[in-house]
């Protein structure tokens, strides 16, 4: 199983750029620390086997959205960057670049877990 959460550093950046980020419907409502999530996974019978980072190209996208207005869908930097993200998601070159950038400013933390036998069905 893989559990993905936003990284705390990126969430703090977005929170500083606009209060609206945590108040939007469907948005994130709290910032998790990786150890908190690992403990919660353990409580439900999952052993954390590894971690990774992902979605670095999305980090600037959310910063731009916060700066120009989270709900501003008018043509401009938000739409332009979204078009770039669509292109990048299909480009092997940009996918390799993103894997490197995942260690610089990742948007997501991924915890990989395995269900631990509990003796219960």
PDB file of N, CA and C in Angstrom:
ATOM      1  N   UNK A   1       0.850  -1.165   0.000  1.00  0.00           N
ATOM      2  CA  UNK A   1       0.000   0.000   0.000  1.00  0.00           C
ATOM      3  C   UNK A   1       0.901   1.234   0.000  1.00  0.00           C
ATOM      4  N   UNK A   2       0.448   2.254  -0.665  1.00  0.00           N
ATOM      5  CA  UNK A   2       1.170   3.522  -0.651  1.00  0.00           C
ATOM      6  C   UNK A   2       0.227   4.606  -0.128  1.00  0.00           C
ATOM      7  N   UNK A   3       0.715   5.402   0.806  1.00  0.00           N
ATOM      8  CA  UNK A   3      -0.050   6.517   1.364  1.00  0.00           C
ATOM      9  C   UNK A   3       0.716   7.786   1.019  1.00  0.00           C
ATOM     10  N   UNK A   4       0.032   8.728   0.418  1.00  0.00           N
ATOM     11  CA  UNK A   4       0.669   9.969  -0.017  1.00  0.00           C
ATOM     12  C   UNK A   4       0.062  11.146   0.725  1.00  0.00           C
ATOM     13  N   UNK A   5       0.941  12.000   1.234  1.00  0.00           N
ATOM     14  CA  UNK A   5       0.500  13.234   1.883  1.00  0.00           C
ATOM     15  C   UNK A   5       1.364  14.386   1.366  1.00  0.00           C
ATOM     16  N   UNK A   6       0.855  15.601   1.415  1.00  0.00           N
ATOM     17  CA  UNK A   6       1.689  16.745   1.054  1.00  0.00           C
ATOM     18  C   UNK A   6       2.843  16.878   2.049  1.00  0.00           C
ATOM     19  N   UNK A   7       3.970  17.353   1.579  1.00  0.00           N
ATOM     20  CA  UNK A   7       5.105  17.560   2.484  1.00  0.00           C
ATOM     21  C   UNK A   7       4.850  18.788   3.353  1.00  0.00           C
ATOM     22  N   UNK A   8       5.331  18.744   4.570  1.00  0.00           N
ATOM     23  CA  UNK A   8       5.142  19.861   5.498  1.00  0.00           C
ATOM     24  C   UNK A   8       5.792  21.149   4.982  1.00  0.00           C
ATOM     25  N   UNK A   9       7.023  21.113   4.436  1.00  0.00           N
ATOM     26  CA  UNK A   9       7.614  22.377   3.961  1.00  0.00           C
ATOM     27  C   UNK A   9       6.785  23.064   2.880  1.00  0.00           C
ATOM     28  N   UNK A  10       6.267  22.297   1.917  1.00  0.00           N
ATOM     29  CA  UNK A  10       5.467  22.949   0.875  1.00  0.00           C
ATOM     30  C   UNK A  10       4.157  23.487   1.445  1.00  0.00           C
ATOM     31  N   UNK A  11       3.548  22.741   2.343  1.00  0.00           N
ATOM     32  CA  UNK A  11       2.296  23.209   2.938  1.00  0.00           C
ATOM     33  C   UNK A  11       2.504  24.508   3.713  1.00  0.00           C
ATOM     34  N   UNK A  12       3.634  24.619   4.418  1.00  0.00           N
ATOM     35  CA  UNK A  12       3.920  25.858   5.148  1.00  0.00           C
ATOM     36  C   UNK A  12       4.121  27.030   4.186  1.00  0.00           C
ATOM     37  N   UNK A  13       4.763  26.779   3.048  1.00  0.00           N
ATOM     38  CA  UNK A  13       4.946  27.842   2.052  1.00  0.00           C
ATOM     39  C   UNK A  13       3.591  28.324   1.555  1.00  0.00           C
ATOM     40  N   UNK A  14       2.716  27.391   1.182  1.00  0.00           N
ATOM     41  CA  UNK A  14       1.410  27.779   0.654  1.00  0.00           C
ATOM     42  C   UNK A  14       0.583  28.508   1.706  1.00  0.00           C
ATOM     43  N   UNK A  15       0.671  28.071   2.939  1.00  0.00           N
ATOM     44  CA  UNK A  15      -0.064  28.727   4.019  1.00  0.00           C
ATOM     45  C   UNK A  15       0.396  30.170   4.187  1.00  0.00           C
ATOM     46  N   UNK A  16       1.689  30.402   4.029  1.00  0.00           N
ATOM     47  CA  UNK A  16       2.215  31.766   4.164  1.00  0.00           C
ATOM     48  C   UNK A  16       1.829  32.637   2.963  1.00  0.00           C
ATOM     49  N   UNK A  17       1.669  31.996   1.803  1.00  0.00           N
ATOM     50  CA  UNK A  17       1.318  32.757   0.607  1.00  0.00           C
ATOM     51  C   UNK A  17      -0.160  33.135   0.567  1.00  0.00           C
ATOM     52  N   UNK A  18      -1.030  32.288   1.129  1.00  0.00           N
ATOM     53  CA  UNK A  18      -2.459  32.628   1.158  1.00  0.00           C
ATOM     54  C   UNK A  18      -3.179  31.784   2.202  1.00  0.00           C
ATOM     55  N   UNK A  19      -3.975  32.452   3.024  1.00  0.00           N
ATOM     56  CA  UNK A  19      -4.768  31.764   4.046  1.00  0.00           C
ATOM     57  C   UNK A  19      -5.815  30.849   3.429  1.00  0.00           C
ATOM     58  N   UNK A  20      -6.256  31.203   2.258  1.00  0.00           N
ATOM     59  CA  UNK A  20      -7.308  30.494   1.554  1.00  0.00           C
ATOM     60  C   UNK A  20      -6.949  29.023   1.289  1.00  0.00           C
ATOM     61  N   UNK A  21      -5.657  28.719   1.231  1.00  0.00           N
ATOM     62  CA  UNK A  21      -5.203  27.370   0.876  1.00  0.00           C
ATOM     63  C   UNK A  21      -5.805  26.307   1.789  1.00  0.00           C
ATOM     64  N   UNK A  22      -5.865  26.571   3.085  1.00  0.00           N
ATOM     65  CA  UNK A  22      -6.391  25.577   4.022  1.00  0.00           C
ATOM     66  C   UNK A  22      -7.890  25.739   4.268  1.00  0.00           C
ATOM     67  N   UNK A  23      -8.481  26.754   3.701  1.00  0.00           N
ATOM     68  CA  UNK A  23      -9.900  27.004   3.931  1.00  0.00           C
ATOM     69  C   UNK A  23     -10.761  26.634   2.726  1.00  0.00           C
ATOM     70  N   UNK A  24     -10.150  26.181   1.651  1.00  0.00           N
ATOM     71  CA  UNK A  24     -10.885  25.860   0.432  1.00  0.00           C
ATOM     72  C   UNK A  24     -11.527  24.480   0.531  1.00  0.00           C
ATOM     73  N   UNK A  25     -12.753  24.346   0.033  1.00  0.00           N
ATOM     74  CA  UNK A  25     -13.391  23.027   0.021  1.00  0.00           C
ATOM     75  C   UNK A  25     -12.515  22.016  -0.724  1.00  0.00           C
ATOM     76  N   UNK A  26     -12.344  20.860  -0.134  1.00  0.00           N
ATOM     77  CA  UNK A  26     -11.524  19.820  -0.748  1.00  0.00           C
ATOM     78  C   UNK A  26     -10.041  19.990  -0.522  1.00  0.00           C
ATOM     79  N   UNK A  27      -9.650  21.068   0.139  1.00  0.00           N
ATOM     80  CA  UNK A  27      -8.231  21.317   0.389  1.00  0.00           C
ATOM     81  C   UNK A  27      -7.731  20.563   1.611  1.00  0.00           C
ATOM     82  N   UNK A  28      -6.494  20.751   1.887  1.00  0.00           N
ATOM     83  CA  UNK A  28      -5.886  20.082   3.036  1.00  0.00           C
ATOM     84  C   UNK A  28      -6.261  20.832   4.303  1.00  0.00           C
ATOM     85  N   UNK A  29      -6.507  20.082   5.359  1.00  0.00           N
ATOM     86  CA  UNK A  29      -6.940  20.733   6.589  1.00  0.00           C
ATOM     87  C   UNK A  29      -5.903  20.661   7.693  1.00  0.00           C
ATOM     88  N   UNK A  30      -4.855  19.856   7.496  1.00  0.00           N
ATOM     89  CA  UNK A  30      -3.792  19.825   8.488  1.00  0.00           C
ATOM     90  C   UNK A  30      -2.503  19.371   7.852  1.00  0.00           C
ATOM     91  N   UNK A  31      -1.424  19.633   8.554  1.00  0.00           N
ATOM     92  CA  UNK A  31      -0.096  19.252   8.091  1.00  0.00           C
ATOM     93  C   UNK A  31       0.374  18.069   8.936  1.00  0.00           C
ATOM     94  N   UNK A  32       0.713  16.976   8.276  1.00  0.00           N
ATOM     95  CA  UNK A  32       1.195  15.790   8.976  1.00  0.00           C
ATOM     96  C   UNK A  32       2.716  15.759   9.001  1.00  0.00           C
ATOM     97  N   UNK A  33       3.246  15.273  10.083  1.00  0.00           N
ATOM     98  CA  UNK A  33       4.663  14.945  10.130  1.00  0.00           C
ATOM     99  C   UNK A  33       4.790  13.480   9.702  1.00  0.00           C
ATOM    100  N   UNK A  34       5.848  13.128   8.976  1.00  0.00           N
ATOM    101  CA  UNK A  34       5.984  11.748   8.506  1.00  0.00           C
ATOM    102  C   UNK A  34       5.913  10.715   9.628  1.00  0.00           C
ATOM    103  N   UNK A  35       6.507  10.989  10.771  1.00  0.00           N
ATOM    104  CA  UNK A  35       6.460  10.016  11.872  1.00  0.00           C
ATOM    105  C   UNK A  35       5.046   9.833  12.403  1.00  0.00           C
ATOM    106  N   UNK A  36       4.266  10.912  12.426  1.00  0.00           N
ATOM    107  CA  UNK A  36       2.858  10.805  12.852  1.00  0.00           C
ATOM    108  C   UNK A  36       2.104   9.846  11.943  1.00  0.00           C
ATOM    109  N   UNK A  37       2.293  10.024  10.646  1.00  0.00           N
ATOM    110  CA  UNK A  37       1.596   9.168   9.697  1.00  0.00           C
ATOM    111  C   UNK A  37       2.083   7.724   9.812  1.00  0.00           C
ATOM    112  N   UNK A  38       3.378   7.534   9.983  1.00  0.00           N
ATOM    113  CA  UNK A  38       3.913   6.171  10.136  1.00  0.00           C
ATOM    114  C   UNK A  38       3.323   5.501  11.373  1.00  0.00           C
ATOM    115  N   UNK A  39       3.200   6.238  12.474  1.00  0.00           N
ATOM    116  CA  UNK A  39       2.588   5.665  13.686  1.00  0.00           C
ATOM    117  C   UNK A  39       1.118   5.324  13.452  1.00  0.00           C
ATOM    118  N   UNK A  40       0.411   6.204  12.763  1.00  0.00           N
ATOM    119  CA  UNK A  40      -1.003   5.937  12.462  1.00  0.00           C
ATOM    120  C   UNK A  40      -1.139   4.701  11.576  1.00  0.00           C
ATOM    121  N   UNK A  41      -0.252   4.553  10.620  1.00  0.00           N
ATOM    122  CA  UNK A  41      -0.280   3.361   9.771  1.00  0.00           C
ATOM    123  C   UNK A  41      -0.028   2.114  10.620  1.00  0.00           C
ATOM    124  N   UNK A  42       0.903   2.209  11.560  1.00  0.00           N
ATOM    125  CA  UNK A  42       1.193   1.076  12.442  1.00  0.00           C
ATOM    126  C   UNK A  42      -0.005   0.690  13.286  1.00  0.00           C
ATOM    127  N   UNK A  43      -0.760   1.683  13.738  1.00  0.00           N
ATOM    128  CA  UNK A  43      -1.940   1.403  14.570  1.00  0.00           C
ATOM    129  C   UNK A  43      -3.020   0.632  13.817  1.00  0.00           C
ATOM    130  N   UNK A  44      -3.031   0.743  12.498  1.00  0.00           N
ATOM    131  CA  UNK A  44      -4.041   0.022  11.720  1.00  0.00           C
ATOM    132  C   UNK A  44      -3.458  -1.224  11.045  1.00  0.00           C
ATOM    133  N   UNK A  45      -2.286  -1.634  11.494  1.00  0.00           N
ATOM    134  CA  UNK A  45      -1.721  -2.891  11.023  1.00  0.00           C
ATOM    135  C   UNK A  45      -0.847  -2.816   9.791  1.00  0.00           C
ATOM    136  N   UNK A  46      -0.289  -1.641   9.504  1.00  0.00           N
ATOM    137  CA  UNK A  46       0.613  -1.503   8.366  1.00  0.00           C
ATOM    138  C   UNK A  46       2.030  -1.231   8.853  1.00  0.00           C
ATOM    139  N   UNK A  47       2.974  -1.946   8.295  1.00  0.00           N
ATOM    140  CA  UNK A  47       4.385  -1.709   8.584  1.00  0.00           C
ATOM    141  C   UNK A  47       4.936  -0.827   7.463  1.00  0.00           C
ATOM    142  N   UNK A  48       5.589   0.259   7.811  1.00  0.00           N
ATOM    143  CA  UNK A  48       6.171   1.144   6.804  1.00  0.00           C
ATOM    144  C   UNK A  48       7.468   0.513   6.315  1.00  0.00           C
ATOM    145  N   UNK A  49       7.528   0.264   5.012  1.00  0.00           N
ATOM    146  CA  UNK A  49       8.682  -0.387   4.409  1.00  0.00           C
ATOM    147  C   UNK A  49       9.605   0.583   3.688  1.00  0.00           C
ATOM    148  N   UNK A  50       9.122   1.764   3.396  1.00  0.00           N
ATOM    149  CA  UNK A  50       9.957   2.718   2.677  1.00  0.00           C
ATOM    150  C   UNK A  50       9.231   4.031   2.466  1.00  0.00           C
ATOM    151  N   UNK A  51       9.992   5.004   2.017  1.00  0.00           N
ATOM    152  CA  UNK A  51       9.434   6.326   1.730  1.00  0.00           C
ATOM    153  C   UNK A  51      10.035   6.852   0.435  1.00  0.00           C
ATOM    154  N   UNK A  52       9.357   7.793  -0.163  1.00  0.00           N
ATOM    155  CA  UNK A  52       9.901   8.504  -1.316  1.00  0.00           C
ATOM    156  C   UNK A  52       9.191   9.854  -1.406  1.00  0.00           C
ATOM    157  N   UNK A  53       9.663  10.664  -2.306  1.00  0.00           N
ATOM    158  CA  UNK A  53       9.058  11.966  -2.552  1.00  0.00           C
ATOM    159  C   UNK A  53       8.561  12.012  -3.986  1.00  0.00           C
ATOM    160  N   UNK A  54       7.559  12.854  -4.253  1.00  0.00           N
ATOM    161  CA  UNK A  54       6.973  12.913  -5.592  1.00  0.00           C
ATOM    162  C   UNK A  54       6.390  14.289  -5.874  1.00  0.00           C
ATOM    163  N   UNK A  55       6.060  14.499  -7.131  1.00  0.00           N
ATOM    164  CA  UNK A  55       5.283  15.654  -7.616  1.00  0.00           C
ATOM    165  C   UNK A  55       5.986  17.003  -7.463  1.00  0.00           C
ATOM    166  N   UNK A  56       7.292  17.038  -7.625  1.00  0.00           N
ATOM    167  CA  UNK A  56       8.022  18.301  -7.490  1.00  0.00           C
ATOM    168  C   UNK A  56       7.542  19.367  -8.470  1.00  0.00           C
ATOM    169  N   UNK A  57       7.137  18.971  -9.657  1.00  0.00           N
ATOM    170  CA  UNK A  57       6.682  19.961 -10.625  1.00  0.00           C
ATOM    171  C   UNK A  57       5.352  20.596 -10.211  1.00  0.00           C
ATOM    172  N   UNK A  58       4.637  19.964  -9.289  1.00  0.00           N
ATOM    173  CA  UNK A  58       3.389  20.544  -8.792  1.00  0.00           C
ATOM    174  C   UNK A  58       3.623  21.605  -7.715  1.00  0.00           C
ATOM    175  N   UNK A  59       4.771  21.589  -7.079  1.00  0.00           N
ATOM    176  CA  UNK A  59       5.047  22.566  -6.017  1.00  0.00           C
ATOM    177  C   UNK A  59       4.956  24.002  -6.517  1.00  0.00           C
ATOM    178  N   UNK A  60       5.614  24.364  -7.635  1.00  0.00           N
ATOM    179  CA  UNK A  60       5.466  25.739  -8.132  1.00  0.00           C
ATOM    180  C   UNK A  60       4.041  26.062  -8.568  1.00  0.00           C
ATOM    181  N   UNK A  61       3.332  25.061  -9.098  1.00  0.00           N
ATOM    182  CA  UNK A  61       1.955  25.284  -9.536  1.00  0.00           C
ATOM    183  C   UNK A  61       1.098  25.810  -8.386  1.00  0.00           C
ATOM    184  N   UNK A  62       1.198  25.159  -7.219  1.00  0.00           N
ATOM    185  CA  UNK A  62       0.381  25.592  -6.082  1.00  0.00           C
ATOM    186  C   UNK A  62       0.866  26.920  -5.526  1.00  0.00           C
ATOM    187  N   UNK A  63       2.142  27.200  -5.602  1.00  0.00           N
ATOM    188  CA  UNK A  63       2.644  28.513  -5.169  1.00  0.00           C
ATOM    189  C   UNK A  63       2.087  29.606  -6.079  1.00  0.00           C
ATOM    190  N   UNK A  64       2.094  29.349  -7.388  1.00  0.00           N
ATOM    191  CA  UNK A  64       1.530  30.320  -8.338  1.00  0.00           C
ATOM    192  C   UNK A  64       0.049  30.526  -8.055  1.00  0.00           C
ATOM    193  N   UNK A  65      -0.690  29.426  -7.845  1.00  0.00           N
ATOM    194  CA  UNK A  65      -2.124  29.558  -7.560  1.00  0.00           C
ATOM    195  C   UNK A  65      -2.358  30.394  -6.320  1.00  0.00           C
ATOM    196  N   UNK A  66      -1.546  30.205  -5.291  1.00  0.00           N
ATOM    197  CA  UNK A  66      -1.707  31.000  -4.069  1.00  0.00           C
ATOM    198  C   UNK A  66      -1.430  32.469  -4.348  1.00  0.00           C
ATOM    199  N   UNK A  67      -0.427  32.754  -5.156  1.00  0.00           N
ATOM    200  CA  UNK A  67      -0.045  34.143  -5.429  1.00  0.00           C
ATOM    201  C   UNK A  67      -1.059  34.885  -6.292  1.00  0.00           C
ATOM    202  N   UNK A  68      -1.646  34.218  -7.289  1.00  0.00           N
ATOM    203  CA  UNK A  68      -2.572  34.912  -8.187  1.00  0.00           C
ATOM    204  C   UNK A  68      -4.023  34.783  -7.742  1.00  0.00           C
ATOM    205  N   UNK A  69      -4.259  34.011  -6.713  1.00  0.00           N
ATOM    206  CA  UNK A  69      -5.621  33.794  -6.230  1.00  0.00           C
ATOM    207  C   UNK A  69      -5.987  32.345  -6.472  1.00  0.00           C
ATOM    208  N   UNK A  70      -6.234  31.642  -5.417  1.00  0.00           N
ATOM    209  CA  UNK A  70      -6.452  30.208  -5.487  1.00  0.00           C
ATOM    210  C   UNK A  70      -7.567  29.827  -6.464  1.00  0.00           C
ATOM    211  N   UNK A  71      -8.596  30.650  -6.553  1.00  0.00           N
ATOM    212  CA  UNK A  71      -9.736  30.329  -7.404  1.00  0.00           C
ATOM    213  C   UNK A  71      -9.754  31.147  -8.690  1.00  0.00           C
ATOM    214  N   UNK A  72      -8.659  31.788  -9.015  1.00  0.00           N
ATOM    215  CA  UNK A  72      -8.563  32.588 -10.228  1.00  0.00           C
ATOM    216  C   UNK A  72      -8.292  31.664 -11.417  1.00  0.00           C
ATOM    217  N   UNK A  73      -9.283  31.425 -12.224  1.00  0.00           N
ATOM    218  CA  UNK A  73      -9.139  30.542 -13.378  1.00  0.00           C
ATOM    219  C   UNK A  73      -9.008  31.314 -14.693  1.00  0.00           C
ATOM    220  N   UNK A  74      -8.768  32.614 -14.614  1.00  0.00           N
ATOM    221  CA  UNK A  74      -8.597  33.407 -15.824  1.00  0.00           C
ATOM    222  C   UNK A  74      -7.278  33.035 -16.487  1.00  0.00           C
ATOM    223  N   UNK A  75      -7.182  33.260 -17.792  1.00  0.00           N
ATOM    224  CA  UNK A  75      -5.910  32.969 -18.471  1.00  0.00           C
ATOM    225  C   UNK A  75      -4.761  33.709 -17.791  1.00  0.00           C
ATOM    226  N   UNK A  76      -3.658  33.064 -17.717  1.00  0.00           N
ATOM    227  CA  UNK A  76      -2.496  33.652 -17.072  1.00  0.00           C
ATOM    228  C   UNK A  76      -1.546  32.572 -16.616  1.00  0.00           C
ATOM    229  N   UNK A  77      -0.767  32.882 -15.604  1.00  0.00           N
ATOM    230  CA  UNK A  77       0.274  31.942 -15.192  1.00  0.00           C
ATOM    231  C   UNK A  77      -0.257  30.594 -14.701  1.00  0.00           C
ATOM    232  N   UNK A  78      -1.416  30.589 -14.057  1.00  0.00           N
ATOM    233  CA  UNK A  78      -1.946  29.325 -13.544  1.00  0.00           C
ATOM    234  C   UNK A  78      -2.293  28.383 -14.692  1.00  0.00           C
ATOM    235  N   UNK A  79      -3.000  28.885 -15.677  1.00  0.00           N
ATOM    236  CA  UNK A  79      -3.366  28.039 -16.826  1.00  0.00           C
ATOM    237  C   UNK A  79      -2.126  27.636 -17.619  1.00  0.00           C
ATOM    238  N   UNK A  80      -1.200  28.551 -17.790  1.00  0.00           N
ATOM    239  CA  UNK A  80       0.024  28.232 -18.543  1.00  0.00           C
ATOM    240  C   UNK A  80       0.800  27.123 -17.840  1.00  0.00           C
ATOM    241  N   UNK A  81       0.912  27.218 -16.527  1.00  0.00           N
ATOM    242  CA  UNK A  81       1.661  26.183 -15.807  1.00  0.00           C
ATOM    243  C   UNK A  81       0.899  24.865 -15.824  1.00  0.00           C
ATOM    244  N   UNK A  82      -0.413  24.904 -15.774  1.00  0.00           N
ATOM    245  CA  UNK A  82      -1.193  23.671 -15.851  1.00  0.00           C
ATOM    246  C   UNK A  82      -0.966  22.984 -17.199  1.00  0.00           C
ATOM    247  N   UNK A  83      -0.914  23.781 -18.278  1.00  0.00           N
ATOM    248  CA  UNK A  83      -0.611  23.198 -19.599  1.00  0.00           C
ATOM    249  C   UNK A  83       0.773  22.557 -19.591  1.00  0.00           C
ATOM    250  N   UNK A  84       1.731  23.242 -18.956  1.00  0.00           N
ATOM    251  CA  UNK A  84       3.073  22.657 -18.851  1.00  0.00           C
ATOM    252  C   UNK A  84       3.026  21.329 -18.088  1.00  0.00           C
ATOM    253  N   UNK A  85       2.275  21.279 -16.980  1.00  0.00           N
ATOM    254  CA  UNK A  85       2.182  20.034 -16.201  1.00  0.00           C
ATOM    255  C   UNK A  85       1.609  18.896 -17.035  1.00  0.00           C
ATOM    256  N   UNK A  86       0.606  19.182 -17.838  1.00  0.00           N
ATOM    257  CA  UNK A  86       0.037  18.147 -18.705  1.00  0.00           C
ATOM    258  C   UNK A  86       1.079  17.655 -19.701  1.00  0.00           C
ATOM    259  N   UNK A  87       1.831  18.578 -20.275  1.00  0.00           N
ATOM    260  CA  UNK A  87       2.901  18.198 -21.206  1.00  0.00           C
ATOM    261  C   UNK A  87       3.982  17.396 -20.477  1.00  0.00           C
ATOM    262  N   UNK A  88       4.386  17.874 -19.322  1.00  0.00           N
ATOM    263  CA  UNK A  88       5.473  17.224 -18.569  1.00  0.00           C
ATOM    264  C   UNK A  88       5.101  15.822 -18.121  1.00  0.00           C
ATOM    265  N   UNK A  89       3.811  15.607 -17.818  1.00  0.00           N
ATOM    266  CA  UNK A  89       3.396  14.287 -17.342  1.00  0.00           C
ATOM    267  C   UNK A  89       3.509  13.228 -18.438  1.00  0.00           C
ATOM    268  N   UNK A  90       3.616  13.658 -19.676  1.00  0.00           N
ATOM    269  CA  UNK A  90       3.738  12.720 -20.794  1.00  0.00           C
ATOM    270  C   UNK A  90       5.121  12.729 -21.419  1.00  0.00           C
ATOM    271  N   UNK A  91       6.018  13.488 -20.843  1.00  0.00           N
ATOM    272  CA  UNK A  91       7.364  13.622 -21.401  1.00  0.00           C
ATOM    273  C   UNK A  91       8.376  12.838 -20.573  1.00  0.00           C
ATOM    274  N   UNK A  92       9.045  11.856 -21.166  1.00  0.00           N
ATOM    275  CA  UNK A  92      10.065  11.112 -20.425  1.00  0.00           C
ATOM    276  C   UNK A  92      11.182  12.017 -19.887  1.00  0.00           C
ATOM    277  N   UNK A  93      11.514  13.053 -20.632  1.00  0.00           N
ATOM    278  CA  UNK A  93      12.574  13.972 -20.181  1.00  0.00           C
ATOM    279  C   UNK A  93      12.129  14.701 -18.922  1.00  0.00           C
ATOM    280  N   UNK A  94      10.920  15.285 -18.941  1.00  0.00           N
ATOM    281  CA  UNK A  94      10.428  16.014 -17.769  1.00  0.00           C
ATOM    282  C   UNK A  94      10.176  15.084 -16.585  1.00  0.00           C
ATOM    283  N   UNK A  95       9.810  13.836 -16.853  1.00  0.00           N
ATOM    284  CA  UNK A  95       9.635  12.873 -15.763  1.00  0.00           C
ATOM    285  C   UNK A  95      10.970  12.600 -15.071  1.00  0.00           C
ATOM    286  N   UNK A  96      12.055  12.529 -15.838  1.00  0.00           N
ATOM    287  CA  UNK A  96      13.386  12.354 -15.225  1.00  0.00           C
ATOM    288  C   UNK A  96      13.791  13.600 -14.440  1.00  0.00           C
ATOM    289  N   UNK A  97      13.511  14.771 -15.007  1.00  0.00           N
ATOM    290  CA  UNK A  97      13.815  16.024 -14.299  1.00  0.00           C
ATOM    291  C   UNK A  97      13.048  16.068 -12.984  1.00  0.00           C
ATOM    292  N   UNK A  98      11.784  15.686 -13.020  1.00  0.00           N
ATOM    293  CA  UNK A  98      10.967  15.719 -11.801  1.00  0.00           C
ATOM    294  C   UNK A  98      11.524  14.774 -10.739  1.00  0.00           C
ATOM    295  N   UNK A  99      11.991  13.603 -11.140  1.00  0.00           N
ATOM    296  CA  UNK A  99      12.557  12.658 -10.158  1.00  0.00           C
ATOM    297  C   UNK A  99      13.747  13.272  -9.430  1.00  0.00           C
ATOM    298  N   UNK A 100      14.534  14.074 -10.121  1.00  0.00           N
ATOM    299  CA  UNK A 100      15.654  14.774  -9.475  1.00  0.00           C
ATOM    300  C   UNK A 100      15.122  15.876  -8.563  1.00  0.00           C
ATOM    301  N   UNK A 101      14.170  16.647  -9.073  1.00  0.00           N
ATOM    302  CA  UNK A 101      13.607  17.756  -8.290  1.00  0.00           C
ATOM    303  C   UNK A 101      12.815  17.275  -7.079  1.00  0.00           C
ATOM    304  N   UNK A 102      12.376  16.016  -7.095  1.00  0.00           N
ATOM    305  CA  UNK A 102      11.656  15.460  -5.942  1.00  0.00           C
ATOM    306  C   UNK A 102      12.506  15.504  -4.671  1.00  0.00           C
ATOM    307  N   UNK A 103      13.806  15.615  -4.821  1.00  0.00           N
ATOM    308  CA  UNK A 103      14.691  15.703  -3.651  1.00  0.00           C
ATOM    309  C   UNK A 103      14.980  17.153  -3.272  1.00  0.00           C
ATOM    310  N   UNK A 104      14.464  18.103  -4.066  1.00  0.00           N
ATOM    311  CA  UNK A 104      14.691  19.528  -3.801  1.00  0.00           C
ATOM    312  C   UNK A 104      13.454  20.162  -3.166  1.00  0.00           C
ATOM    313  N   UNK A 105      12.305  20.061  -3.842  1.00  0.00           N
ATOM    314  CA  UNK A 105      11.074  20.677  -3.337  1.00  0.00           C
ATOM    315  C   UNK A 105       9.880  19.809  -3.719  1.00  0.00           C
ATOM    316  N   UNK A 106       9.766  18.632  -3.107  1.00  0.00           N
ATOM    317  CA  UNK A 106       8.667  17.732  -3.464  1.00  0.00           C
ATOM    318  C   UNK A 106       7.332  18.239  -2.932  1.00  0.00           C
ATOM    319  N   UNK A 107       6.279  17.967  -3.651  1.00  0.00           N
ATOM    320  CA  UNK A 107       4.934  18.301  -3.185  1.00  0.00           C
ATOM    321  C   UNK A 107       4.396  17.210  -2.269  1.00  0.00           C
ATOM    322  N   UNK A 108       4.820  15.964  -2.525  1.00  0.00           N
ATOM    323  CA  UNK A 108       4.240  14.840  -1.796  1.00  0.00           C
ATOM    324  C   UNK A 108       5.300  13.949  -1.165  1.00  0.00           C
ATOM    325  N   UNK A 109       4.917  13.393  -0.024  1.00  0.00           N
ATOM    326  CA  UNK A 109       5.694  12.351   0.645  1.00  0.00           C
ATOM    327  C   UNK A 109       4.900  11.066   0.477  1.00  0.00           C
ATOM    328  N   UNK A 110       5.569   9.992   0.102  1.00  0.00           N
ATOM    329  CA  UNK A 110       4.911   8.704  -0.081  1.00  0.00           C
ATOM    330  C   UNK A 110       5.485   7.722   0.934  1.00  0.00           C
ATOM    331  N   UNK A 111       4.613   7.093   1.710  1.00  0.00           N
ATOM    332  CA  UNK A 111       5.019   6.029   2.637  1.00  0.00           C
ATOM    333  C   UNK A 111       4.469   4.720   2.091  1.00  0.00           C
ATOM    334  N   UNK A 112       5.352   3.738   1.933  1.00  0.00           N
ATOM    335  CA  UNK A 112       4.962   2.420   1.421  1.00  0.00           C
ATOM    336  C   UNK A 112       4.810   1.477   2.598  1.00  0.00           C
ATOM    337  N   UNK A 113       3.701   0.763   2.633  1.00  0.00           N
ATOM    338  CA  UNK A 113       3.446  -0.118   3.766  1.00  0.00           C
ATOM    339  C   UNK A 113       2.993  -1.495   3.339  1.00  0.00           C
ATOM    340  N   UNK A 114       3.178  -2.431   4.260  1.00  0.00           N
ATOM    341  CA  UNK A 114       2.730  -3.808   4.080  1.00  0.00           C
ATOM    342  C   UNK A 114       1.851  -4.166   5.252  1.00  0.00           C
ATOM    343  N   UNK A 115       0.759  -4.838   4.968  1.00  0.00           N
ATOM    344  CA  UNK A 115      -0.133  -5.288   6.045  1.00  0.00           C
ATOM    345  C   UNK A 115       0.581  -6.345   6.869  1.00  0.00           C
ATOM    346  N   UNK A 116       0.555  -6.156   8.161  1.00  0.00           N
ATOM    347  CA  UNK A 116       1.196  -7.085   9.092  1.00  0.00           C
ATOM    348  C   UNK A 116       0.149  -8.089   9.557  1.00  0.00           C
ATOM    349  N   UNK A 117       0.506  -9.359   9.540  1.00  0.00           N
ATOM    350  CA  UNK A 117      -0.437 -10.389  10.002  1.00  0.00           C
ATOM    351  C   UNK A 117      -0.738 -10.159  11.490  1.00  0.00           C
ATOM    352  N   UNK A 118      -2.014 -10.131  11.820  1.00  0.00           N
ATOM    353  CA  UNK A 118      -2.418  -9.880  13.197  1.00  0.00           C
ATOM    354  C   UNK A 118      -3.014 -11.108  13.860  1.00  0.00           C
ATOM    355  N   UNK A 119      -3.195 -12.182  13.096  1.00  0.00           N
ATOM    356  CA  UNK A 119      -3.834 -13.364  13.647  1.00  0.00           C
ATOM    357  C   UNK A 119      -5.348 -13.297  13.566  1.00  0.00           C
ATOM    358  N   UNK A 120      -5.858 -12.150  13.108  1.00  0.00           N
ATOM    359  CA  UNK A 120      -7.298 -11.974  12.931  1.00  0.00           C
ATOM    360  C   UNK A 120      -7.633 -12.166  11.465  1.00  0.00           C
ATOM    361  N   UNK A 121      -8.833 -12.616  11.172  1.00  0.00           N
ATOM    362  CA  UNK A 121      -9.223 -12.762   9.747  1.00  0.00           C
ATOM    363  C   UNK A 121      -9.333 -11.414   9.066  1.00  0.00           C
TER     364      UNK A 121
END
